Each structure stands twice: as structure tokens, then as C-alpha cells.
Amino acid sequence: MRASLSPSLCLSLTIGLLATAVAAPALAQTPPATIGDRYIPAPWWMRDPVIASVGNVKVELQANRAFVAASFQSVERSVNDASRAAADQVRALSQALAGYGADKVRVETSVTTRPIYDQYRDADGVMRDNTRADRIARYQADAAVRVTVRDVALIERVYATIVASRPTAIGQVSFSLDPENSWKANLAAEAMKDARRRAEAAATNAGATLGRVRIIDPSGRVCQTDVLAGWPSYAASGPATSVDEIVVTGSKVMERASFAPPPPPPAAPAAGGAPSEDQIEAARLALQPPLQTLSDSACIIYSLN
């Protein structure tokens, strides 16, 4: 006799076989890497012997931006008089600095005012402001000047001009480096060259030779994969290689401490109030822009022969 299966049992067997067929390819796939696993699948580029090399370069360039701020204060009986007096104090200074041109010296000014109230002693003898609209004694106006020097060869004269204008307060001079796109692009190229130099030296010292390039990664992230210790971090990059100059189509973009002498000062504005040439020279101080470090890195993976 032949045994027969019920329709419901046949349906269950069919679903089970389909589930097994669908699950089989999924089980055959390489599972994703998990931090902390004892065994982690190696990347595709490690099927053959390879060397991962990180190029790390830096260059010292003189700061090419300078910043300084100052403020002028005036106290008068009316808002208009206080604001006008503060604005008059900075107008001649702003015009003198603007004479260098916005491409070299940029000047930003602002004026704020606040009331100064009559004071009285409370029951405890503490002095307090009588903050009522009808108890305003004076108005204080503060005119702020923020100067951005894009040609740092002018910073000494700009600072002396501000000091000679006798502001109420003057801030510390600060410097920064604003690299051009060509500098950054060519430093990235130097990082690639440095990665090859390091790879060639490592392969030679190990008794091997470099093969073809497997991966070029300007971001350097590929070289941050540690398949031996469990992701992420492939190898230390080592100290950066100093680059004495940045080359663009065979010519230097910038050399250290290579600044032309400052241009002659602009003509003083017709209105009075601007410091004289003697006052500016008397207030002049030595201000040397500091060196700033510009760095980059890149990862290149070679096969080994």
C-alpha cells in the first residue's frame, strides 16, 4: 500500500524546504566584522601579501593673517551725543586703516550705548542703581573696532596706528594661517610621495620588493583597519616628514619669512583726529608673525613580490 500525505502536511513540508533554500545562500555569505570577535574576516586586498603605508608630512609656514580689536568709550548726557562722540573717535582711525585697501586691511566697527542711572543707598547701605527712565544721569557709548590684517607685513604699522589713536582698551594681537587651495593640494601630493618612500624602505629592509598599487586612499582611513587586533586601527603612521617647501608647477608657493617691505603709509584723512606719523612711529612695536604647521596624510597599499 502507498501512504498518502494530507494536504496540510504537504503544505508544511513545502514551506520548510523553501525556507531552507532561502537561508542557505545567506549562511554562505561572509558575516560583517564585529568589534571584539576572535576571528574577523580580512579585507579583499589582503588575500595576497600586501604592505600598507601611511604618508605623513608637515610644513611650517609663517602666519598670513593677523587680528586685533580696540574700543573707544564716551559718556554724554544724551544718546545722540554719546554715540556721535564715540563714532568720531573711531572714524579717523577707520579711514586711515581703510586707506590700505580692503584686500590688505579690513575694518569692522560697531557702536553700542547704555544708560547710566543715578544711584542711591538702600537700607543696608549698599549702593544700587535707580533703574527708572526718569533717573538716567548719563549715556555711555562704546565704539568697537575689529581689524583683520591680510598682509601681515603691515601688522606693526596697523597696531601702532591703533595705539596712537589712544583707545580706551586694546586687545592682544592674534595670528592664524589661512592656506591657499594650491598649498593644500600640493601638500597632499607630498603625502603620497612620502607613503611610497616609507613603503619602499620597509619592503627593502624586509627583503621584498613592491608590487602594483592595490589602493590609494587620500583620506588615510583604509590604513586604520587592524585585522589582527580587531578593527579599527591598522598601523601607526609614524612621525611626520618635514617638507621644506611646497611646489606648484616647479616653483615655490611660499618660503618662510619671505615678506616684502611694507608699502608706504596711505595719506592721512582730511578730517582731524587721525594720529600723526610721529605718533605712529613712537608707538611702533616689533610684531613677528609666528610659524604655523600645515600637515596632511595619505594611505597607499601595495602588493609585495
C-alpha atoms as a PDB file:
ATOM      1  CA  MET A   1       0.000   0.000   0.000  1.00  0.00           C
ATOM      2  CA  ARG A   2       1.205   3.501  -0.706  1.00  0.00           C
ATOM      3  CA  ALA A   3       0.975   6.002   2.130  1.00  0.00           C
ATOM      4  CA  SER A   4      -0.701   9.275   1.292  1.00  0.00           C
ATOM      5  CA  LEU A   5       0.021  12.669   2.857  1.00  0.00           C
ATOM      6  CA  SER A   6      -2.644  15.057   3.878  1.00  0.00           C
ATOM      7  CA  PRO A   7      -2.802  18.415   2.043  1.00  0.00           C
ATOM      8  CA  SER A   8      -1.896  20.330   5.213  1.00  0.00           C
ATOM      9  CA  LEU A   9       1.234  18.213   5.768  1.00  0.00           C
ATOM     10  CA  CYS A  10       2.353  18.694   2.147  1.00  0.00           C
ATOM     11  CA  LEU A  11       1.977  22.443   2.542  1.00  0.00           C
ATOM     12  CA  SER A  12       4.112  22.425   5.710  1.00  0.00           C
ATOM     13  CA  LEU A  13       6.890  20.413   4.008  1.00  0.00           C
ATOM     14  CA  THR A  14       6.896  22.757   1.016  1.00  0.00           C
ATOM     15  CA  ILE A  15       7.247  25.864   3.218  1.00  0.00           C
ATOM     16  CA  GLY A  16      10.071  24.242   5.186  1.00  0.00           C
ATOM     17  CA  LEU A  17      12.033  23.353   2.017  1.00  0.00           C
ATOM     18  CA  LEU A  18      11.608  26.868   0.648  1.00  0.00           C
ATOM     19  CA  ALA A  19      12.844  28.384   3.919  1.00  0.00           C
ATOM     20  CA  THR A  20      15.920  26.136   3.852  1.00  0.00           C
ATOM     21  CA  ALA A  21      16.680  27.090   0.235  1.00  0.00           C
ATOM     22  CA  VAL A  22      16.407  30.802   1.029  1.00  0.00           C
ATOM     23  CA  ALA A  23      18.533  30.585   4.177  1.00  0.00           C
ATOM     24  CA  ALA A  24      21.369  28.601   2.561  1.00  0.00           C
ATOM     25  CA  PRO A  25      22.860  31.499   0.479  1.00  0.00           C
ATOM     26  CA  ALA A  26      22.614  33.828   3.481  1.00  0.00           C
ATOM     27  CA  LEU A  27      24.600  31.428   5.635  1.00  0.00           C
ATOM     28  CA  ALA A  28      27.259  31.198   2.933  1.00  0.00           C
ATOM     29  CA  GLN A  29      27.861  34.948   2.945  1.00  0.00           C
ATOM     30  CA  THR A  30      30.770  36.431   4.908  1.00  0.00           C
ATOM     31  CA  PRO A  31      29.370  37.901   8.113  1.00  0.00           C
ATOM     32  CA  PRO A  32      30.161  41.548   8.827  1.00  0.00           C
ATOM     33  CA  ALA A  33      33.071  42.345  11.127  1.00  0.00           C
ATOM     34  CA  THR A  34      32.171  42.855  14.759  1.00  0.00           C
ATOM     35  CA  ILE A  35      34.432  44.599  17.224  1.00  0.00           C
ATOM     36  CA  GLY A  36      35.605  42.118  19.842  1.00  0.00           C
ATOM     37  CA  ASP A  37      35.231  38.948  17.738  1.00  0.00           C
ATOM     38  CA  ARG A  38      38.072  36.476  17.985  1.00  0.00           C
ATOM     39  CA  TYR A  39      38.233  35.989  14.217  1.00  0.00           C
ATOM     40  CA  ILE A  40      37.492  38.830  11.822  1.00  0.00           C
ATOM     41  CA  PRO A  41      37.317  38.451   8.020  1.00  0.00           C
ATOM     42  CA  ALA A  42      40.227  40.142   6.279  1.00  0.00           C
ATOM     43  CA  PRO A  43      39.562  42.818   3.622  1.00  0.00           C
ATOM     44  CA  TRP A  44      39.664  41.737  -0.018  1.00  0.00           C
ATOM     45  CA  TRP A  45      43.007  43.435  -0.579  1.00  0.00           C
ATOM     46  CA  MET A  46      44.688  41.150   1.969  1.00  0.00           C
ATOM     47  CA  ARG A  47      44.148  37.919   0.050  1.00  0.00           C
ATOM     48  CA  ASP A  48      47.732  38.257  -1.167  1.00  0.00           C
ATOM     49  CA  PRO A  49      50.772  39.665   0.696  1.00  0.00           C
ATOM     50  CA  VAL A  50      50.493  43.465   0.900  1.00  0.00           C
ATOM     51  CA  ILE A  51      52.078  46.401   2.693  1.00  0.00           C
ATOM     52  CA  ALA A  52      50.031  49.361   3.914  1.00  0.00           C
ATOM     53  CA  SER A  53      51.988  52.594   4.043  1.00  0.00           C
ATOM     54  CA  VAL A  54      50.877  55.878   5.596  1.00  0.00           C
ATOM     55  CA  GLY A  55      52.472  59.048   4.292  1.00  0.00           C
ATOM     56  CA  ASN A  56      52.534  61.779   6.914  1.00  0.00           C
ATOM     57  CA  VAL A  57      54.047  65.177   6.065  1.00  0.00           C
ATOM     58  CA  LYS A  58      54.122  68.641   7.586  1.00  0.00           C
ATOM     59  CA  VAL A  59      55.485  72.057   6.723  1.00  0.00           C
ATOM     60  CA  GLU A  60      55.954  75.209   8.782  1.00  0.00           C
ATOM     61  CA  LEU A  61      54.623  78.372   7.178  1.00  0.00           C
ATOM     62  CA  GLN A  62      54.512  81.876   8.544  1.00  0.00           C
ATOM     63  CA  ALA A  63      51.055  83.042   9.615  1.00  0.00           C
ATOM     64  CA  ASN A  64      49.402  85.135   6.927  1.00  0.00           C
ATOM     65  CA  ARG A  65      46.507  86.648   8.905  1.00  0.00           C
ATOM     66  CA  ALA A  66      46.543  88.953  11.955  1.00  0.00           C
ATOM     67  CA  PHE A  67      43.689  90.220  14.135  1.00  0.00           C
ATOM     68  CA  VAL A  68      43.417  92.979  16.717  1.00  0.00           C
ATOM     69  CA  ALA A  69      40.495  94.789  18.339  1.00  0.00           C
ATOM     70  CA  ALA A  70      40.151  98.079  20.213  1.00  0.00           C
ATOM     71  CA  SER A  71      37.341 100.075  21.790  1.00  0.00           C
ATOM     72  CA  PHE A  72      36.603 103.742  22.454  1.00  0.00           C
ATOM     73  CA  GLN A  73      34.260 104.965  25.176  1.00  0.00           C
ATOM     74  CA  SER A  74      32.322 108.183  25.521  1.00  0.00           C
ATOM     75  CA  VAL A  75      29.895 109.414  28.236  1.00  0.00           C
ATOM     76  CA  GLU A  76      27.413 112.207  27.464  1.00  0.00           C
ATOM     77  CA  ARG A  77      24.044 113.452  28.678  1.00  0.00           C
ATOM     78  CA  SER A  78      22.089 112.258  25.596  1.00  0.00           C
ATOM     79  CA  VAL A  79      22.136 109.122  23.491  1.00  0.00           C
ATOM     80  CA  ASN A  80      22.882 111.057  20.315  1.00  0.00           C
ATOM     81  CA  ASP A  81      25.784 112.977  21.827  1.00  0.00           C
ATOM     82  CA  ALA A  82      27.346 109.838  23.321  1.00  0.00           C
ATOM     83  CA  SER A  83      27.013 107.858  20.088  1.00  0.00           C
ATOM     84  CA  ARG A  84      28.333 110.743  17.995  1.00  0.00           C
ATOM     85  CA  ALA A  85      31.348 111.258  20.257  1.00  0.00           C
ATOM     86  CA  ALA A  86      32.253 107.554  20.182  1.00  0.00           C
ATOM     87  CA  ALA A  87      31.812 107.405  16.416  1.00  0.00           C
ATOM     88  CA  ASP A  88      34.018 110.471  15.955  1.00  0.00           C
ATOM     89  CA  GLN A  89      36.791 108.747  17.882  1.00  0.00           C
ATOM     90  CA  VAL A  90      36.893 105.764  15.536  1.00  0.00           C
ATOM     91  CA  ARG A  91      36.060 107.495  12.259  1.00  0.00           C
ATOM     92  CA  ALA A  92      39.534 108.912  11.605  1.00  0.00           C
ATOM     93  CA  LEU A  93      41.165 105.613  12.632  1.00  0.00           C
ATOM     94  CA  SER A  94      38.867 103.624  10.353  1.00  0.00           C
ATOM     95  CA  GLN A  95      39.589 105.902   7.406  1.00  0.00           C
ATOM     96  CA  ALA A  96      43.339 105.720   7.978  1.00  0.00           C
ATOM     97  CA  LEU A  97      43.310 101.901   8.080  1.00  0.00           C
ATOM     98  CA  ALA A  98      40.874 101.596   5.180  1.00  0.00           C
ATOM     99  CA  GLY A  99      43.387 103.548   3.075  1.00  0.00           C
ATOM    100  CA  TYR A 100      45.490 100.380   2.713  1.00  0.00           C
ATOM    101  CA  GLY A 101      42.696  98.699   0.781  1.00  0.00           C
ATOM    102  CA  ALA A 102      40.164  96.055   1.776  1.00  0.00           C
ATOM    103  CA  ASP A 103      42.365  93.336   0.240  1.00  0.00           C
ATOM    104  CA  LYS A 104      45.075  94.071   2.845  1.00  0.00           C
ATOM    105  CA  VAL A 105      43.297  95.524   5.887  1.00  0.00           C
ATOM    106  CA  ARG A 106      39.635  95.007   6.703  1.00  0.00           C
ATOM    107  CA  VAL A 107      37.982  97.175   9.370  1.00  0.00           C
ATOM    108  CA  GLU A 108      34.711  96.417  11.166  1.00  0.00           C
ATOM    109  CA  THR A 109      33.166  98.977  13.522  1.00  0.00           C
ATOM    110  CA  SER A 110      30.134  98.983  15.792  1.00  0.00           C
ATOM    111  CA  VAL A 111      28.671 101.360  18.396  1.00  0.00           C
ATOM    112  CA  THR A 112      26.570 100.354  21.416  1.00  0.00           C
ATOM    113  CA  THR A 113      25.054 102.599  24.087  1.00  0.00           C
ATOM    114  CA  ARG A 114      23.681 102.003  27.592  1.00  0.00           C
ATOM    115  CA  PRO A 115      22.156 104.266  30.232  1.00  0.00           C
ATOM    116  CA  ILE A 116      23.939 105.188  33.457  1.00  0.00           C
ATOM    117  CA  TYR A 117      21.415 105.607  36.276  1.00  0.00           C
ATOM    118  CA  ASP A 118      21.513 107.690  39.414  1.00  0.00           C
ATOM    119  CA  GLN A 119      22.498 105.671  42.463  1.00  0.00           C
ATOM    120  CA  TYR A 120      21.165 105.504  45.986  1.00  0.00           C
ATOM    121  CA  ARG A 121      21.893 103.614  49.195  1.00  0.00           C
ATOM    122  CA  ASP A 122      19.395 101.058  50.361  1.00  0.00           C
ATOM    123  CA  ALA A 123      18.520 100.293  53.991  1.00  0.00           C
ATOM    124  CA  ASP A 124      21.679  98.170  54.292  1.00  0.00           C
ATOM    125  CA  GLY A 125      23.913 100.904  52.966  1.00  0.00           C
ATOM    126  CA  VAL A 126      24.525  99.174  49.599  1.00  0.00           C
ATOM    127  CA  MET A 127      24.768 101.415  46.531  1.00  0.00           C
ATOM    128  CA  ARG A 128      22.142 100.486  43.907  1.00  0.00           C
ATOM    129  CA  ASP A 129      21.134 101.838  40.514  1.00  0.00           C
ATOM    130  CA  ASN A 130      17.836 103.669  40.385  1.00  0.00           C
ATOM    131  CA  THR A 131      16.729 101.892  37.185  1.00  0.00           C
ATOM    132  CA  ARG A 132      13.914 104.207  36.194  1.00  0.00           C
ATOM    133  CA  ALA A 133      13.583 106.005  32.881  1.00  0.00           C
ATOM    134  CA  ASP A 134      13.403 109.370  34.636  1.00  0.00           C
ATOM    135  CA  ARG A 135      16.542 108.666  36.694  1.00  0.00           C
ATOM    136  CA  ILE A 136      19.055 108.342  33.826  1.00  0.00           C
ATOM    137  CA  ALA A 137      22.075 110.535  34.555  1.00  0.00           C
ATOM    138  CA  ARG A 138      24.260 109.861  31.505  1.00  0.00           C
ATOM    139  CA  TYR A 139      24.621 107.620  28.462  1.00  0.00           C
ATOM    140  CA  GLN A 140      27.738 105.562  27.786  1.00  0.00           C
ATOM    141  CA  ALA A 141      28.653 104.712  24.193  1.00  0.00           C
ATOM    142  CA  ASP A 142      31.268 102.090  23.273  1.00  0.00           C
ATOM    143  CA  ALA A 143      32.683 102.048  19.753  1.00  0.00           C
ATOM    144  CA  ALA A 144      34.423  98.773  18.878  1.00  0.00           C
ATOM    145  CA  VAL A 145      36.931  98.362  16.054  1.00  0.00           C
ATOM    146  CA  ARG A 146      37.970  94.905  14.843  1.00  0.00           C
ATOM    147  CA  VAL A 147      40.822  94.871  12.342  1.00  0.00           C
ATOM    148  CA  THR A 148      41.780  91.923  10.141  1.00  0.00           C
ATOM    149  CA  VAL A 149      45.198  92.302   8.517  1.00  0.00           C
ATOM    150  CA  ARG A 150      45.507  90.131   5.413  1.00  0.00           C
ATOM    151  CA  ASP A 151      49.000  91.394   4.628  1.00  0.00           C
ATOM    152  CA  VAL A 152      50.934  90.683   7.827  1.00  0.00           C
ATOM    153  CA  ALA A 153      53.802  92.888   6.660  1.00  0.00           C
ATOM    154  CA  LEU A 154      51.539  95.774   7.765  1.00  0.00           C
ATOM    155  CA  ILE A 155      50.711  94.494  11.255  1.00  0.00           C
ATOM    156  CA  GLU A 156      53.333  96.607  13.067  1.00  0.00           C
ATOM    157  CA  ARG A 157      52.127  99.828  11.491  1.00  0.00           C
ATOM    158  CA  VAL A 158      48.453  98.940  11.896  1.00  0.00           C
ATOM    159  CA  TYR A 159      48.931  98.165  15.583  1.00  0.00           C
ATOM    160  CA  ALA A 160      50.933 101.364  16.130  1.00  0.00           C
ATOM    161  CA  THR A 161      48.204 103.387  14.435  1.00  0.00           C
ATOM    162  CA  ILE A 162      45.608 101.919  16.790  1.00  0.00           C
ATOM    163  CA  VAL A 163      47.760 102.575  19.867  1.00  0.00           C
ATOM    164  CA  ALA A 164      48.451 106.169  18.760  1.00  0.00           C
ATOM    165  CA  SER A 165      44.697 106.745  18.465  1.00  0.00           C
ATOM    166  CA  ARG A 166      44.510 106.351  22.275  1.00  0.00           C
ATOM    167  CA  PRO A 167      41.628 103.864  22.577  1.00  0.00           C
ATOM    168  CA  THR A 168      40.009 103.082  25.922  1.00  0.00           C
ATOM    169  CA  ALA A 169      41.034  99.402  25.559  1.00  0.00           C
ATOM    170  CA  ILE A 170      43.056  97.394  23.045  1.00  0.00           C
ATOM    171  CA  GLY A 171      43.185  93.619  22.670  1.00  0.00           C
ATOM    172  CA  GLN A 172      46.054  91.240  22.072  1.00  0.00           C
ATOM    173  CA  VAL A 173      47.268  90.681  18.526  1.00  0.00           C
ATOM    174  CA  SER A 174      46.493  87.171  17.291  1.00  0.00           C
ATOM    175  CA  PHE A 175      47.716  85.340  14.189  1.00  0.00           C
ATOM    176  CA  SER A 176      46.460  82.483  12.052  1.00  0.00           C
ATOM    177  CA  LEU A 177      47.331  80.617   8.869  1.00  0.00           C
ATOM    178  CA  ASP A 178      44.807  80.551   6.038  1.00  0.00           C
ATOM    179  CA  PRO A 179      46.378  78.206   3.447  1.00  0.00           C
ATOM    180  CA  GLU A 180      45.539  78.522  -0.214  1.00  0.00           C
ATOM    181  CA  ASN A 181      43.975  75.570  -2.023  1.00  0.00           C
ATOM    182  CA  SER A 182      47.139  75.042  -4.082  1.00  0.00           C
ATOM    183  CA  TRP A 183      49.217  74.691  -0.899  1.00  0.00           C
ATOM    184  CA  LYS A 184      46.882  72.029   0.480  1.00  0.00           C
ATOM    185  CA  ALA A 185      46.733  70.159  -2.846  1.00  0.00           C
ATOM    186  CA  ASN A 186      50.491  70.014  -3.176  1.00  0.00           C
ATOM    187  CA  LEU A 187      50.962  69.015   0.456  1.00  0.00           C
ATOM    188  CA  ALA A 188      48.594  66.106  -0.268  1.00  0.00           C
ATOM    189  CA  ALA A 189      50.844  65.154  -3.191  1.00  0.00           C
ATOM    190  CA  GLU A 190      53.853  65.210  -0.860  1.00  0.00           C
ATOM    191  CA  ALA A 191      51.975  62.856   1.481  1.00  0.00           C
ATOM    192  CA  MET A 192      51.571  60.375  -1.393  1.00  0.00           C
ATOM    193  CA  LYS A 193      55.284  60.555  -2.176  1.00  0.00           C
ATOM    194  CA  ASP A 194      56.112  60.057   1.480  1.00  0.00           C
ATOM    195  CA  ALA A 195      53.888  56.956   1.629  1.00  0.00           C
ATOM    196  CA  ARG A 196      55.796  55.425  -1.281  1.00  0.00           C
ATOM    197  CA  ARG A 197      59.175  56.245   0.265  1.00  0.00           C
ATOM    198  CA  ARG A 198      58.152  54.571   3.515  1.00  0.00           C
ATOM    199  CA  ALA A 199      56.792  51.505   1.687  1.00  0.00           C
ATOM    200  CA  GLU A 200      59.938  51.101  -0.419  1.00  0.00           C
ATOM    201  CA  ALA A 201      62.166  51.350   2.657  1.00  0.00           C
ATOM    202  CA  ALA A 202      60.065  48.844   4.621  1.00  0.00           C
ATOM    203  CA  ALA A 203      59.934  46.344   1.756  1.00  0.00           C
ATOM    204  CA  THR A 204      63.701  46.597   1.111  1.00  0.00           C
ATOM    205  CA  ASN A 205      64.520  46.128   4.786  1.00  0.00           C
ATOM    206  CA  ALA A 206      62.246  43.060   4.875  1.00  0.00           C
ATOM    207  CA  GLY A 207      63.858  41.505   1.788  1.00  0.00           C
ATOM    208  CA  ALA A 208      60.902  42.087  -0.526  1.00  0.00           C
ATOM    209  CA  THR A 209      60.036  44.369  -3.408  1.00  0.00           C
ATOM    210  CA  LEU A 210      56.983  46.496  -4.031  1.00  0.00           C
ATOM    211  CA  GLY A 211      54.389  45.279  -6.466  1.00  0.00           C
ATOM    212  CA  ARG A 212      51.485  47.111  -8.029  1.00  0.00           C
ATOM    213  CA  VAL A 213      49.329  49.586  -6.178  1.00  0.00           C
ATOM    214  CA  ARG A 214      46.223  47.996  -4.673  1.00  0.00           C
ATOM    215  CA  ILE A 215      44.565  51.000  -3.026  1.00  0.00           C
ATOM    216  CA  ILE A 216      45.169  54.754  -2.960  1.00  0.00           C
ATOM    217  CA  ASP A 217      43.283  56.467  -0.159  1.00  0.00           C
ATOM    218  CA  PRO A 218      43.981  60.204   0.310  1.00  0.00           C
ATOM    219  CA  SER A 219      41.842  60.190   3.472  1.00  0.00           C
ATOM    220  CA  GLY A 220      44.059  57.531   5.112  1.00  0.00           C
ATOM    221  CA  ARG A 221      41.080  55.579   6.520  1.00  0.00           C
ATOM    222  CA  VAL A 222      41.947  52.302   4.791  1.00  0.00           C
ATOM    223  CA  CYS A 223      45.174  52.134   6.774  1.00  0.00           C
ATOM    224  CA  GLN A 224      43.177  52.320  10.011  1.00  0.00           C
ATOM    225  CA  THR A 225      41.965  48.686   9.812  1.00  0.00           C
ATOM    226  CA  ASP A 226      43.573  46.235  12.251  1.00  0.00           C
ATOM    227  CA  VAL A 227      42.672  42.712  11.167  1.00  0.00           C
ATOM    228  CA  LEU A 228      44.995  41.221  13.790  1.00  0.00           C
ATOM    229  CA  ALA A 229      43.708  43.004  16.889  1.00  0.00           C
ATOM    230  CA  GLY A 230      40.097  43.644  15.858  1.00  0.00           C
ATOM    231  CA  TRP A 231      39.020  46.737  13.940  1.00  0.00           C
ATOM    232  CA  PRO A 232      39.685  49.654  13.644  1.00  0.00           C
ATOM    233  CA  SER A 233      43.383  50.699  13.509  1.00  0.00           C
ATOM    234  CA  TYR A 234      45.717  49.078  11.014  1.00  0.00           C
ATOM    235  CA  ALA A 235      49.076  50.574  11.905  1.00  0.00           C
ATOM    236  CA  ALA A 236      50.684  53.655  13.377  1.00  0.00           C
ATOM    237  CA  SER A 237      51.539  56.307  10.833  1.00  0.00           C
ATOM    238  CA  GLY A 238      54.865  57.267  12.370  1.00  0.00           C
ATOM    239  CA  PRO A 239      56.300  60.758  12.715  1.00  0.00           C
ATOM    240  CA  ALA A 240      55.539  63.273  10.028  1.00  0.00           C
ATOM    241  CA  THR A 241      58.142  64.078   7.391  1.00  0.00           C
ATOM    242  CA  SER A 242      59.022  67.765   7.253  1.00  0.00           C
ATOM    243  CA  VAL A 243      58.647  69.419   3.860  1.00  0.00           C
ATOM    244  CA  ASP A 244      60.854  72.477   3.386  1.00  0.00           C
ATOM    245  CA  GLU A 245      58.786  73.914   0.570  1.00  0.00           C
ATOM    246  CA  ILE A 246      55.539  73.414  -1.259  1.00  0.00           C
ATOM    247  CA  VAL A 247      55.990  73.188  -5.027  1.00  0.00           C
ATOM    248  CA  VAL A 248      53.438  74.250  -7.597  1.00  0.00           C
ATOM    249  CA  THR A 249      54.329  73.508 -11.225  1.00  0.00           C
ATOM    250  CA  GLY A 250      58.005  73.670 -10.395  1.00  0.00           C
ATOM    251  CA  SER A 251      58.014  76.931  -8.436  1.00  0.00           C
ATOM    252  CA  LYS A 252      57.810  77.736  -4.736  1.00  0.00           C
ATOM    253  CA  VAL A 253      54.494  78.950  -3.485  1.00  0.00           C
ATOM    254  CA  MET A 254      55.816  80.347  -0.249  1.00  0.00           C
ATOM    255  CA  GLU A 255      59.059  80.427   1.685  1.00  0.00           C
ATOM    256  CA  ARG A 256      59.484  81.027   5.393  1.00  0.00           C
ATOM    257  CA  ALA A 257      59.871  84.639   6.420  1.00  0.00           C
ATOM    258  CA  SER A 258      59.717  85.892   2.862  1.00  0.00           C
ATOM    259  CA  PHE A 259      57.882  89.172   3.103  1.00  0.00           C
ATOM    260  CA  ALA A 260      58.411  92.269   1.040  1.00  0.00           C
ATOM    261  CA  PRO A 261      58.944  95.547   2.890  1.00  0.00           C
ATOM    262  CA  PRO A 262      55.663  97.244   3.825  1.00  0.00           C
ATOM    263  CA  PRO A 263      54.243  99.755   1.351  1.00  0.00           C
ATOM    264  CA  PRO A 264      54.326 103.458   2.178  1.00  0.00           C
ATOM    265  CA  PRO A 265      51.536 104.575   4.507  1.00  0.00           C
ATOM    266  CA  PRO A 266      48.354 105.920   2.938  1.00  0.00           C
ATOM    267  CA  ALA A 267      47.638 109.611   3.054  1.00  0.00           C
ATOM    268  CA  ALA A 268      46.036 110.819   6.280  1.00  0.00           C
ATOM    269  CA  PRO A 269      42.341 111.742   6.017  1.00  0.00           C
ATOM    270  CA  ALA A 270      41.447 115.394   5.652  1.00  0.00           C
ATOM    271  CA  ALA A 271      39.386 115.416   8.858  1.00  0.00           C
ATOM    272  CA  GLY A 272      41.281 115.882  12.097  1.00  0.00           C
ATOM    273  CA  GLY A 273      41.666 113.255  14.779  1.00  0.00           C
ATOM    274  CA  ALA A 274      43.939 110.800  12.983  1.00  0.00           C
ATOM    275  CA  PRO A 275      47.297 110.131  14.677  1.00  0.00           C
ATOM    276  CA  SER A 276      50.306 111.832  13.129  1.00  0.00           C
ATOM    277  CA  GLU A 277      53.230 109.994  11.575  1.00  0.00           C
ATOM    278  CA  ASP A 278      55.427 110.803  14.569  1.00  0.00           C
ATOM    279  CA  GLN A 279      52.822 109.415  16.959  1.00  0.00           C
ATOM    280  CA  ILE A 280      52.546 106.201  14.935  1.00  0.00           C
ATOM    281  CA  GLU A 281      56.317 105.677  14.837  1.00  0.00           C
ATOM    282  CA  ALA A 282      56.570 106.351  18.577  1.00  0.00           C
ATOM    283  CA  ALA A 283      54.001 103.623  19.281  1.00  0.00           C
ATOM    284  CA  ARG A 284      55.525 101.069  16.926  1.00  0.00           C
ATOM    285  CA  LEU A 285      56.465  97.669  18.380  1.00  0.00           C
ATOM    286  CA  ALA A 286      58.099  94.569  16.921  1.00  0.00           C
ATOM    287  CA  LEU A 287      55.388  92.070  15.969  1.00  0.00           C
ATOM    288  CA  GLN A 288      56.680  88.934  14.235  1.00  0.00           C
ATOM    289  CA  PRO A 289      54.075  86.522  12.830  1.00  0.00           C
ATOM    290  CA  PRO A 290      54.644  83.034  14.286  1.00  0.00           C
ATOM    291  CA  LEU A 291      55.193  79.853  12.290  1.00  0.00           C
ATOM    292  CA  GLN A 292      52.153  77.623  11.831  1.00  0.00           C
ATOM    293  CA  THR A 293      52.215  73.906  10.988  1.00  0.00           C
ATOM    294  CA  LEU A 294      50.297  72.595   7.975  1.00  0.00           C
ATOM    295  CA  SER A 295      50.063  68.791   7.775  1.00  0.00           C
ATOM    296  CA  ASP A 296      48.469  66.036   5.680  1.00  0.00           C
ATOM    297  CA  SER A 297      48.481  62.253   5.405  1.00  0.00           C
ATOM    298  CA  ALA A 298      47.625  59.589   2.818  1.00  0.00           C
ATOM    299  CA  CYS A 299      47.388  55.781   2.676  1.00  0.00           C
ATOM    300  CA  ILE A 300      48.691  53.606  -0.164  1.00  0.00           C
ATOM    301  CA  ILE A 301      48.538  49.790  -0.138  1.00  0.00           C
ATOM    302  CA  TYR A 302      50.978  47.860  -2.357  1.00  0.00           C
ATOM    303  CA  SER A 303      51.201  44.185  -3.148  1.00  0.00           C
ATOM    304  CA  LEU A 304      54.525  42.518  -2.285  1.00  0.00           C
ATOM    305  CA  ASN A 305      56.708  40.438  -4.562  1.00  0.00           C
END
